[in-house]
Amino acid sequence: MENDNVIKSSYDRYFVNKTVKENQEEAKQQKTAPKKKTTTKKTTTKKTTTASTKKETSKPKEDPKPTQVAVYSSGKLAHPALGRLDKGYNIVTPAQADEWMKLSNKVRMATPEEVAAAYEV
């Protein structure tokens, strides 16, 4: 072999027949090469302003659908996709509550007043 520093690769034509030093120099040049500047057109338009009116700040909208609901389970239950329910009140998502009620007759929806009375709140 003439040169032991030659990188030979049949699958990468970029490095074939180049020495290690040539590859290092080329990599440095690519890093330090000036990047092309991208120009963007700035468009300006003339806007006419009229008497400003104050925007009323809207109150945050209350979410009509709750993100969590309480269910009452009369026994311990477990499901691979839904998790587990202990005996008593459990907090779950509405979708999970529907699935639990479909799966077992031991589970029912609990009202907020019922939960508050159970925990003496």
Protein backbone atom coordinates (compact mmCIF):
# COMPACT_ATOMS: atom_id res chain seq x y z
CA MET A 1 0.00 0.00 0.00
CA GLU A 2 1.21 3.46 -0.84
CA ASN A 3 -0.52 5.42 1.85
CA ASP A 4 -1.73 3.86 5.11
CA ASN A 5 -3.78 6.94 6.04
CA VAL A 6 -6.23 6.48 3.19
CA ILE A 7 -9.80 5.95 4.27
CA LYS A 8 -11.35 3.32 2.11
CA SER A 9 -15.07 2.81 2.07
CA SER A 10 -17.15 1.16 -0.58
CA TYR A 11 -20.38 2.65 0.69
CA ASP A 12 -19.32 6.24 1.32
CA ARG A 13 -17.88 7.88 -1.78
CA TYR A 14 -17.27 11.13 0.06
CA PHE A 15 -14.29 9.73 1.97
CA VAL A 16 -12.82 7.33 -0.59
CA ASN A 17 -9.15 7.96 -1.48
CA LYS A 18 -8.72 10.88 0.89
CA THR A 19 -6.17 10.99 3.63
CA VAL A 20 -7.06 11.70 7.22
CA LYS A 21 -5.47 15.15 7.02
CA GLU A 22 -7.44 16.04 3.91
CA ASN A 23 -10.69 15.04 5.62
CA GLN A 24 -9.84 17.10 8.71
CA GLU A 25 -8.96 20.15 6.63
CA GLU A 26 -12.14 19.82 4.60
CA ALA A 27 -14.22 19.54 7.76
CA LYS A 28 -12.62 22.72 9.14
CA GLN A 29 -13.34 24.57 5.91
CA GLN A 30 -16.97 23.52 6.00
CA LYS A 31 -17.33 24.73 9.57
CA THR A 32 -15.70 28.07 8.90
CA ALA A 33 -17.25 28.64 5.48
CA PRO A 34 -19.43 31.75 5.45
CA LYS A 35 -23.10 30.98 5.40
CA LYS A 36 -25.34 32.44 2.78
CA LYS A 37 -27.43 35.22 4.10
CA THR A 38 -31.07 34.74 3.61
CA THR A 39 -32.89 37.89 2.81
CA THR A 40 -36.49 38.40 3.61
CA LYS A 41 -38.68 41.04 2.14
CA LYS A 42 -40.04 43.41 4.65
CA THR A 43 -43.36 44.80 3.69
CA THR A 44 -44.79 47.79 5.37
CA THR A 45 -48.24 49.12 4.97
CA LYS A 46 -49.74 52.36 6.07
CA LYS A 47 -52.47 51.88 8.56
CA THR A 48 -54.92 54.52 9.45
CA THR A 49 -55.90 54.62 13.04
CA THR A 50 -59.16 55.79 14.36
CA ALA A 51 -60.15 56.63 17.89
CA SER A 52 -59.07 53.70 19.97
CA THR A 53 -61.69 51.83 21.86
CA LYS A 54 -60.79 49.88 24.93
CA LYS A 55 -61.35 46.19 24.53
CA GLU A 56 -63.31 44.69 27.33
CA THR A 57 -61.37 42.05 29.08
CA SER A 58 -63.38 38.90 28.87
CA LYS A 59 -63.69 36.70 31.88
CA PRO A 60 -62.08 33.31 31.50
CA LYS A 61 -64.65 30.91 30.21
CA GLU A 62 -65.62 28.21 32.62
CA ASP A 63 -65.16 24.73 31.27
CA PRO A 64 -68.62 23.15 31.14
CA LYS A 65 -67.16 19.64 31.18
CA PRO A 66 -65.21 18.65 34.28
CA THR A 67 -61.75 17.18 33.81
CA GLN A 68 -62.15 14.89 36.82
CA VAL A 69 -65.16 13.21 38.37
CA ALA A 70 -65.72 11.18 41.51
CA VAL A 71 -66.94 7.61 41.42
CA TYR A 72 -67.87 5.35 44.30
CA SER A 73 -66.72 1.76 44.25
CA SER A 74 -68.25 -0.76 46.63
CA GLY A 75 -65.21 -3.04 46.28
CA LYS A 76 -61.65 -3.18 44.97
CA LEU A 77 -61.41 -3.37 41.18
CA ALA A 78 -58.50 -3.48 38.75
CA HIS A 79 -58.26 -3.30 34.97
CA PRO A 80 -55.08 -3.32 32.82
CA ALA A 81 -56.11 -0.31 30.75
CA LEU A 82 -57.99 1.70 33.39
CA GLY A 83 -55.93 1.13 36.51
CA ARG A 84 -57.50 0.30 39.84
CA LEU A 85 -60.26 1.48 42.10
CA ASP A 86 -60.21 1.08 45.85
CA LYS A 87 -63.30 0.69 47.95
CA GLY A 88 -64.83 4.13 48.48
CA TYR A 89 -64.53 7.35 46.51
CA ASN A 90 -62.06 7.59 43.63
CA ILE A 91 -61.20 10.51 41.35
CA VAL A 92 -60.99 9.60 37.65
CA THR A 93 -61.50 11.23 34.25
CA PRO A 94 -65.03 11.23 32.80
CA ALA A 95 -64.00 8.75 30.08
CA GLN A 96 -62.58 6.37 32.67
CA ALA A 97 -65.71 6.72 34.80
CA ASP A 98 -67.88 5.70 31.85
CA GLU A 99 -65.71 2.66 31.18
CA TRP A 100 -65.71 1.62 34.84
CA MET A 101 -69.50 1.85 35.01
CA LYS A 102 -69.81 -0.27 31.86
CA LEU A 103 -67.47 -2.93 33.25
CA SER A 104 -68.85 -3.35 36.74
CA ASN A 105 -72.05 -2.79 38.63
CA LYS A 106 -69.96 -2.08 41.76
CA VAL A 107 -69.13 1.43 40.43
CA ARG A 108 -71.44 4.46 40.36
CA MET A 109 -71.03 8.21 39.89
CA ALA A 110 -70.72 10.23 43.08
CA THR A 111 -72.06 13.76 43.45
CA PRO A 112 -69.82 16.55 44.79
CA GLU A 113 -72.11 16.97 47.79
CA GLU A 114 -71.83 13.26 48.59
CA VAL A 115 -68.03 13.37 48.46
CA ALA A 116 -67.92 16.52 50.61
CA ALA A 117 -70.19 14.92 53.21
CA ALA A 118 -68.05 11.74 53.26
CA TYR A 119 -64.87 13.69 53.90
CA GLU A 120 -66.58 16.21 56.21
CA VAL A 121 -65.67 19.25 54.12
